[in-house]
Structure formats: structure tokens, C-alpha cells
Amino acid sequence: MKKTIAICVLIAVAIGLGSFYWVKQQRECKEAEYNYQVIRKGLLILSEEYNKGAEKVQYLKEYEETKNKIVKEH
């Protein structure tokens, strides 16, 4: 009888520890996924803003080239 109780206690402890470990792993996985999505969104916004800036720089280069042509002609 005592052996059976001891085995049941060991099984319960093993299940409890296993459950704790599994829940911890799931939480860490969800946190990692959330952090990935936040960083991904931030990098996407950064990329969009960089591209807008690059377009404006190209426009300024064209403006400068045109201005230089006009100045040289006069």
C-alpha cells in the first residue's frame, strides 16, 4: 500500500513538473513570437520611411541637375 502511494506521489510530481515545464516553454514561445512581430512591424515602418526619404533625395538630385543646367546656360 505504501509503495502504491509513493508511486502515485512520484507520478503526480512528475506530471506536475512536466506540466510546469510545458507551460513555461509555451509562454516563452509566445513571447518570442510577439517580440518577433513587434520588431518586424518596426522594421517595416522604418523601411517605408527610408524609401520615402530615398525618393525625395532622388527628386532633389534631379532638381539640382536641372538647376545647374539652367545656371550654366545663363
PDB file of N, CA and C in Angstrom:
ATOM      1  N   MET A   1       0.826  -1.199   0.000  1.00  0.00           N
ATOM      2  CA  MET A   1       0.000   0.000   0.000  1.00  0.00           C
ATOM      3  C   MET A   1       0.868   1.259   0.000  1.00  0.00           C
ATOM      4  N   LYS A   2       1.908   1.274   0.846  1.00  0.00           N
ATOM      5  CA  LYS A   2       2.779   2.442   0.911  1.00  0.00           C
ATOM      6  C   LYS A   2       3.531   2.627  -0.404  1.00  0.00           C
ATOM      7  N   LYS A   3       3.881   1.480  -1.035  1.00  0.00           N
ATOM      8  CA  LYS A   3       4.568   1.560  -2.318  1.00  0.00           C
ATOM      9  C   LYS A   3       3.665   2.196  -3.370  1.00  0.00           C
ATOM     10  N   THR A   4       2.409   1.818  -3.353  1.00  0.00           N
ATOM     11  CA  THR A   4       1.449   2.349  -4.316  1.00  0.00           C
ATOM     12  C   THR A   4       1.277   3.854  -4.118  1.00  0.00           C
ATOM     13  N   ILE A   5       1.186   4.279  -2.888  1.00  0.00           N
ATOM     14  CA  ILE A   5       1.046   5.707  -2.590  1.00  0.00           C
ATOM     15  C   ILE A   5       2.296   6.459  -3.033  1.00  0.00           C
ATOM     16  N   ALA A   6       3.456   5.881  -2.761  1.00  0.00           N
ATOM     17  CA  ALA A   6       4.712   6.527  -3.159  1.00  0.00           C
ATOM     18  C   ALA A   6       4.801   6.645  -4.677  1.00  0.00           C
ATOM     19  N   ILE A   7       4.392   5.595  -5.370  1.00  0.00           N
ATOM     20  CA  ILE A   7       4.411   5.631  -6.839  1.00  0.00           C
ATOM     21  C   ILE A   7       3.435   6.685  -7.350  1.00  0.00           C
ATOM     22  N   CYS A   8       2.256   6.745  -6.759  1.00  0.00           N
ATOM     23  CA  CYS A   8       1.261   7.752  -7.164  1.00  0.00           C
ATOM     24  C   CYS A   8       1.787   9.165  -6.917  1.00  0.00           C
ATOM     25  N   VAL A   9       2.456   9.367  -5.799  1.00  0.00           N
ATOM     26  CA  VAL A   9       3.029  10.679  -5.487  1.00  0.00           C
ATOM     27  C   VAL A   9       4.109  11.030  -6.502  1.00  0.00           C
ATOM     28  N   LEU A  10       4.975  10.070  -6.812  1.00  0.00           N
ATOM     29  CA  LEU A  10       6.023  10.311  -7.806  1.00  0.00           C
ATOM     30  C   LEU A  10       5.432  10.633  -9.176  1.00  0.00           C
ATOM     31  N   ILE A  11       4.399   9.907  -9.557  1.00  0.00           N
ATOM     32  CA  ILE A  11       3.741  10.172 -10.843  1.00  0.00           C
ATOM     33  C   ILE A  11       3.121  11.563 -10.835  1.00  0.00           C
ATOM     34  N   ALA A  12       2.466  11.927  -9.740  1.00  0.00           N
ATOM     35  CA  ALA A  12       1.844  13.250  -9.642  1.00  0.00           C
ATOM     36  C   ALA A  12       2.895  14.354  -9.717  1.00  0.00           C
ATOM     37  N   VAL A  13       4.021  14.149  -9.041  1.00  0.00           N
ATOM     38  CA  VAL A  13       5.102  15.138  -9.069  1.00  0.00           C
ATOM     39  C   VAL A  13       5.674  15.241 -10.480  1.00  0.00           C
ATOM     40  N   ALA A  14       5.872  14.101 -11.126  1.00  0.00           N
ATOM     41  CA  ALA A  14       6.406  14.105 -12.491  1.00  0.00           C
ATOM     42  C   ALA A  14       5.453  14.822 -13.445  1.00  0.00           C
ATOM     43  N   ILE A  15       4.170  14.553 -13.319  1.00  0.00           N
ATOM     44  CA  ILE A  15       3.177  15.228 -14.168  1.00  0.00           C
ATOM     45  C   ILE A  15       3.169  16.721 -13.872  1.00  0.00           C
ATOM     46  N   GLY A  16       3.235  17.078 -12.598  1.00  0.00           N
ATOM     47  CA  GLY A  16       3.261  18.498 -12.219  1.00  0.00           C
ATOM     48  C   GLY A  16       4.473  19.216 -12.780  1.00  0.00           C
ATOM     49  N   LEU A  17       5.647  18.606 -12.643  1.00  0.00           N
ATOM     50  CA  LEU A  17       6.868  19.222 -13.175  1.00  0.00           C
ATOM     51  C   LEU A  17       6.834  19.288 -14.697  1.00  0.00           C
ATOM     52  N   GLY A  18       6.348  18.225 -15.307  1.00  0.00           N
ATOM     53  CA  GLY A  18       6.231  18.216 -16.768  1.00  0.00           C
ATOM     54  C   GLY A  18       5.280  19.295 -17.256  1.00  0.00           C
ATOM     55  N   SER A  19       4.163  19.441 -16.557  1.00  0.00           N
ATOM     56  CA  SER A  19       3.193  20.478 -16.925  1.00  0.00           C
ATOM     57  C   SER A  19       3.786  21.865 -16.750  1.00  0.00           C
ATOM     58  N   PHE A  20       4.501  22.067 -15.648  1.00  0.00           N
ATOM     59  CA  PHE A  20       5.139  23.360 -15.402  1.00  0.00           C
ATOM     60  C   PHE A  20       6.127  23.683 -16.517  1.00  0.00           C
ATOM     61  N   TYR A  21       6.957  22.707 -16.874  1.00  0.00           N
ATOM     62  CA  TYR A  21       7.952  22.906 -17.934  1.00  0.00           C
ATOM     63  C   TYR A  21       7.267  23.197 -19.263  1.00  0.00           C
ATOM     64  N   TRP A  22       6.208  22.458 -19.582  1.00  0.00           N
ATOM     65  CA  TRP A  22       5.496  22.645 -20.846  1.00  0.00           C
ATOM     66  C   TRP A  22       4.869  24.037 -20.912  1.00  0.00           C
ATOM     67  N   VAL A  23       4.233  24.470 -19.831  1.00  0.00           N
ATOM     68  CA  VAL A  23       3.615  25.799 -19.787  1.00  0.00           C
ATOM     69  C   VAL A  23       4.682  26.877 -19.940  1.00  0.00           C
ATOM     70  N   LYS A  24       5.816  26.690 -19.284  1.00  0.00           N
ATOM     71  CA  LYS A  24       6.912  27.657 -19.388  1.00  0.00           C
ATOM     72  C   LYS A  24       7.398  27.750 -20.831  1.00  0.00           C
ATOM     73  N   GLN A  25       7.565  26.615 -21.487  1.00  0.00           N
ATOM     74  CA  GLN A  25       8.011  26.597 -22.878  1.00  0.00           C
ATOM     75  C   GLN A  25       6.998  27.298 -23.786  1.00  0.00           C
ATOM     76  N   GLN A  26       5.722  27.052 -23.572  1.00  0.00           N
ATOM     77  CA  GLN A  26       4.675  27.681 -24.375  1.00  0.00           C
ATOM     78  C   GLN A  26       4.688  29.198 -24.197  1.00  0.00           C
ATOM     79  N   ARG A  27       4.849  29.643 -22.958  1.00  0.00           N
ATOM     80  CA  ARG A  27       4.888  31.082 -22.681  1.00  0.00           C
ATOM     81  C   ARG A  27       6.090  31.723 -23.365  1.00  0.00           C
ATOM     82  N   GLU A  28       7.249  31.087 -23.265  1.00  0.00           N
ATOM     83  CA  GLU A  28       8.446  31.635 -23.900  1.00  0.00           C
ATOM     84  C   GLU A  28       8.292  31.688 -25.416  1.00  0.00           C
ATOM     85  N   CYS A  29       7.668  30.676 -25.973  1.00  0.00           N
ATOM     86  CA  CYS A  29       7.447  30.640 -27.420  1.00  0.00           C
ATOM     87  C   CYS A  29       6.509  31.773 -27.843  1.00  0.00           C
ATOM     88  N   LYS A  30       5.444  31.983 -27.091  1.00  0.00           N
ATOM     89  CA  LYS A  30       4.502  33.062 -27.405  1.00  0.00           C
ATOM     90  C   LYS A  30       5.170  34.427 -27.263  1.00  0.00           C
ATOM     91  N   GLU A  31       5.990  34.595 -26.234  1.00  0.00           N
ATOM     92  CA  GLU A  31       6.703  35.861 -26.048  1.00  0.00           C
ATOM     93  C   GLU A  31       7.667  36.112 -27.199  1.00  0.00           C
ATOM     94  N   ALA A  32       8.357  35.074 -27.623  1.00  0.00           N
ATOM     95  CA  ALA A  32       9.293  35.219 -28.744  1.00  0.00           C
ATOM     96  C   ALA A  32       8.543  35.589 -30.019  1.00  0.00           C
ATOM     97  N   GLU A  33       7.409  34.972 -30.260  1.00  0.00           N
ATOM     98  CA  GLU A  33       6.609  35.279 -31.451  1.00  0.00           C
ATOM     99  C   GLU A  33       6.110  36.720 -31.396  1.00  0.00           C
ATOM    100  N   TYR A  34       5.647  37.155 -30.226  1.00  0.00           N
ATOM    101  CA  TYR A  34       5.174  38.529 -30.068  1.00  0.00           C
ATOM    102  C   TYR A  34       6.311  39.520 -30.334  1.00  0.00           C
ATOM    103  N   ASN A  35       7.470  39.264 -29.734  1.00  0.00           N
ATOM    104  CA  ASN A  35       8.618  40.153 -29.941  1.00  0.00           C
ATOM    105  C   ASN A  35       9.024  40.195 -31.406  1.00  0.00           C
ATOM    106  N   TYR A  36       8.982  39.051 -32.063  1.00  0.00           N
ATOM    107  CA  TYR A  36       9.300  38.993 -33.490  1.00  0.00           C
ATOM    108  C   TYR A  36       8.342  39.876 -34.289  1.00  0.00           C
ATOM    109  N   GLN A  37       7.055  39.782 -33.994  1.00  0.00           N
ATOM    110  CA  GLN A  37       6.061  40.568 -34.731  1.00  0.00           C
ATOM    111  C   GLN A  37       6.251  42.067 -34.485  1.00  0.00           C
ATOM    112  N   VAL A  38       6.560  42.451 -33.253  1.00  0.00           N
ATOM    113  CA  VAL A  38       6.785  43.867 -32.938  1.00  0.00           C
ATOM    114  C   VAL A  38       8.001  44.390 -33.698  1.00  0.00           C
ATOM    115  N   ILE A  39       9.082  43.630 -33.680  1.00  0.00           N
ATOM    116  CA  ILE A  39      10.300  44.052 -34.384  1.00  0.00           C
ATOM    117  C   ILE A  39      10.058  44.090 -35.885  1.00  0.00           C
ATOM    118  N   ARG A  40       9.345  43.097 -36.399  1.00  0.00           N
ATOM    119  CA  ARG A  40       9.031  43.045 -37.833  1.00  0.00           C
ATOM    120  C   ARG A  40       8.239  44.288 -38.253  1.00  0.00           C
ATOM    121  N   LYS A  41       7.243  44.643 -37.452  1.00  0.00           N
ATOM    122  CA  LYS A  41       6.425  45.814 -37.761  1.00  0.00           C
ATOM    123  C   LYS A  41       7.276  47.084 -37.727  1.00  0.00           C
ATOM    124  N   GLY A  42       8.137  47.194 -36.727  1.00  0.00           N
ATOM    125  CA  GLY A  42       9.014  48.363 -36.626  1.00  0.00           C
ATOM    126  C   GLY A  42       9.954  48.473 -37.811  1.00  0.00           C
ATOM    127  N   LEU A  43      10.519  47.348 -38.235  1.00  0.00           N
ATOM    128  CA  LEU A  43      11.421  47.369 -39.388  1.00  0.00           C
ATOM    129  C   LEU A  43      10.677  47.693 -40.678  1.00  0.00           C
ATOM    130  N   LEU A  44       9.438  47.239 -40.789  1.00  0.00           N
ATOM    131  CA  LEU A  44       8.632  47.561 -41.965  1.00  0.00           C
ATOM    132  C   LEU A  44       8.371  49.062 -42.033  1.00  0.00           C
ATOM    133  N   ILE A  45       8.018  49.665 -40.909  1.00  0.00           N
ATOM    134  CA  ILE A  45       7.794  51.114 -40.862  1.00  0.00           C
ATOM    135  C   ILE A  45       9.084  51.849 -41.203  1.00  0.00           C
ATOM    136  N   LEU A  46      10.195  51.403 -40.634  1.00  0.00           N
ATOM    137  CA  LEU A  46      11.491  52.013 -40.920  1.00  0.00           C
ATOM    138  C   LEU A  46      11.817  51.927 -42.409  1.00  0.00           C
ATOM    139  N   SER A  47      11.567  50.783 -43.004  1.00  0.00           N
ATOM    140  CA  SER A  47      11.830  50.585 -44.430  1.00  0.00           C
ATOM    141  C   SER A  47      10.969  51.514 -45.283  1.00  0.00           C
ATOM    142  N   GLU A  48       9.694  51.628 -44.937  1.00  0.00           N
ATOM    143  CA  GLU A  48       8.796  52.510 -45.693  1.00  0.00           C
ATOM    144  C   GLU A  48       9.266  53.958 -45.614  1.00  0.00           C
ATOM    145  N   GLU A  49       9.637  54.395 -44.420  1.00  0.00           N
ATOM    146  CA  GLU A  49      10.097  55.773 -44.257  1.00  0.00           C
ATOM    147  C   GLU A  49      11.423  56.000 -44.981  1.00  0.00           C
ATOM    148  N   TYR A  50      12.304  55.019 -44.943  1.00  0.00           N
ATOM    149  CA  TYR A  50      13.576  55.129 -45.660  1.00  0.00           C
ATOM    150  C   TYR A  50      13.322  55.262 -47.160  1.00  0.00           C
ATOM    151  N   ASN A  51      12.404  54.456 -47.675  1.00  0.00           N
ATOM    152  CA  ASN A  51      12.095  54.521 -49.104  1.00  0.00           C
ATOM    153  C   ASN A  51      11.508  55.877 -49.491  1.00  0.00           C
ATOM    154  N   LYS A  52      10.665  56.434 -48.626  1.00  0.00           N
ATOM    155  CA  LYS A  52      10.126  57.772 -48.896  1.00  0.00           C
ATOM    156  C   LYS A  52      11.263  58.792 -48.952  1.00  0.00           C
ATOM    157  N   GLY A  53      12.183  58.688 -48.007  1.00  0.00           N
ATOM    158  CA  GLY A  53      13.325  59.600 -47.977  1.00  0.00           C
ATOM    159  C   GLY A  53      14.198  59.438 -49.205  1.00  0.00           C
ATOM    160  N   ALA A  54      14.406  58.206 -49.641  1.00  0.00           N
ATOM    161  CA  ALA A  54      15.225  57.951 -50.828  1.00  0.00           C
ATOM    162  C   ALA A  54      14.575  58.565 -52.063  1.00  0.00           C
ATOM    163  N   GLU A  55      13.251  58.486 -52.158  1.00  0.00           N
ATOM    164  CA  GLU A  55      12.537  59.101 -53.285  1.00  0.00           C
ATOM    165  C   GLU A  55      12.733  60.615 -53.271  1.00  0.00           C
ATOM    166  N   LYS A  56      12.664  61.206 -52.100  1.00  0.00           N
ATOM    167  CA  LYS A  56      12.829  62.661 -52.005  1.00  0.00           C
ATOM    168  C   LYS A  56      14.257  63.072 -52.351  1.00  0.00           C
ATOM    169  N   VAL A  57      15.231  62.271 -51.961  1.00  0.00           N
ATOM    170  CA  VAL A  57      16.620  62.569 -52.310  1.00  0.00           C
ATOM    171  C   VAL A  57      16.787  62.510 -53.823  1.00  0.00           C
ATOM    172  N   GLN A  58      16.178  61.522 -54.460  1.00  0.00           N
ATOM    173  CA  GLN A  58      16.256  61.418 -55.918  1.00  0.00           C
ATOM    174  C   GLN A  58      15.631  62.655 -56.564  1.00  0.00           C
ATOM    175  N   TYR A  59      14.499  63.099 -56.031  1.00  0.00           N
ATOM    176  CA  TYR A  59      13.848  64.299 -56.550  1.00  0.00           C
ATOM    177  C   TYR A  59      14.778  65.502 -56.399  1.00  0.00           C
ATOM    178  N   LEU A  60      15.434  65.622 -55.250  1.00  0.00           N
ATOM    179  CA  LEU A  60      16.350  66.743 -55.037  1.00  0.00           C
ATOM    180  C   LEU A  60      17.544  66.680 -55.989  1.00  0.00           C
ATOM    181  N   LYS A  61      18.029  65.482 -56.282  1.00  0.00           N
ATOM    182  CA  LYS A  61      19.135  65.345 -57.233  1.00  0.00           C
ATOM    183  C   LYS A  61      18.709  65.819 -58.618  1.00  0.00           C
ATOM    184  N   GLU A  62      17.513  65.425 -59.034  1.00  0.00           N
ATOM    185  CA  GLU A  62      17.003  65.861 -60.336  1.00  0.00           C
ATOM    186  C   GLU A  62      16.835  67.383 -60.352  1.00  0.00           C
ATOM    187  N   TYR A  63      16.334  67.936 -59.258  1.00  0.00           N
ATOM    188  CA  TYR A  63      16.165  69.380 -59.154  1.00  0.00           C
ATOM    189  C   TYR A  63      17.523  70.072 -59.270  1.00  0.00           C
ATOM    190  N   GLU A  64      18.513  69.556 -58.561  1.00  0.00           N
ATOM    191  CA  GLU A  64      19.854  70.138 -58.583  1.00  0.00           C
ATOM    192  C   GLU A  64      20.449  70.079 -59.989  1.00  0.00           C
ATOM    193  N   GLU A  65      20.280  68.946 -60.668  1.00  0.00           N
ATOM    194  CA  GLU A  65      20.806  68.808 -62.028  1.00  0.00           C
ATOM    195  C   GLU A  65      20.139  69.806 -62.972  1.00  0.00           C
ATOM    196  N   THR A  66      18.842  69.944 -62.872  1.00  0.00           N
ATOM    197  CA  THR A  66      18.107  70.885 -63.720  1.00  0.00           C
ATOM    198  C   THR A  66      18.538  72.312 -63.416  1.00  0.00           C
ATOM    199  N   LYS A  67      18.666  72.646 -62.151  1.00  0.00           N
ATOM    200  CA  LYS A  67      19.099  73.983 -61.747  1.00  0.00           C
ATOM    201  C   LYS A  67      20.492  74.278 -62.304  1.00  0.00           C
ATOM    202  N   ASN A  68      21.387  73.308 -62.210  1.00  0.00           N
ATOM    203  CA  ASN A  68      22.745  73.501 -62.722  1.00  0.00           C
ATOM    204  C   ASN A  68      22.749  73.719 -64.233  1.00  0.00           C
ATOM    205  N   LYS A  69      21.883  73.024 -64.956  1.00  0.00           N
ATOM    206  CA  LYS A  69      21.792  73.214 -66.410  1.00  0.00           C
ATOM    207  C   LYS A  69      21.329  74.633 -66.729  1.00  0.00           C
ATOM    208  N   ILE A  70      20.345  75.103 -65.984  1.00  0.00           N
ATOM    209  CA  ILE A  70      19.810  76.449 -66.220  1.00  0.00           C
ATOM    210  C   ILE A  70      20.866  77.495 -65.889  1.00  0.00           C
ATOM    211  N   VAL A  71      21.572  77.320 -64.782  1.00  0.00           N
ATOM    212  CA  VAL A  71      22.598  78.276 -64.366  1.00  0.00           C
ATOM    213  C   VAL A  71      23.727  78.316 -65.391  1.00  0.00           C
ATOM    214  N   LYS A  72      24.131  77.183 -65.938  1.00  0.00           N
ATOM    215  CA  LYS A  72      25.201  77.128 -66.928  1.00  0.00           C
ATOM    216  C   LYS A  72      24.799  77.824 -68.223  1.00  0.00           C
ATOM    217  N   GLU A  73      23.528  77.758 -68.577  1.00  0.00           N
ATOM    218  CA  GLU A  73      23.053  78.358 -69.820  1.00  0.00           C
ATOM    219  C   GLU A  73      23.044  79.883 -69.743  1.00  0.00           C
ATOM    220  N   HIS A  74      22.952  80.432 -68.570  1.00  0.00           N
ATOM    221  CA  HIS A  74      22.870  81.899 -68.446  1.00  0.00           C
ATOM    222  C   HIS A  74      24.142  82.489 -68.026  1.00  0.00           C
TER     223      HIS A  74
END
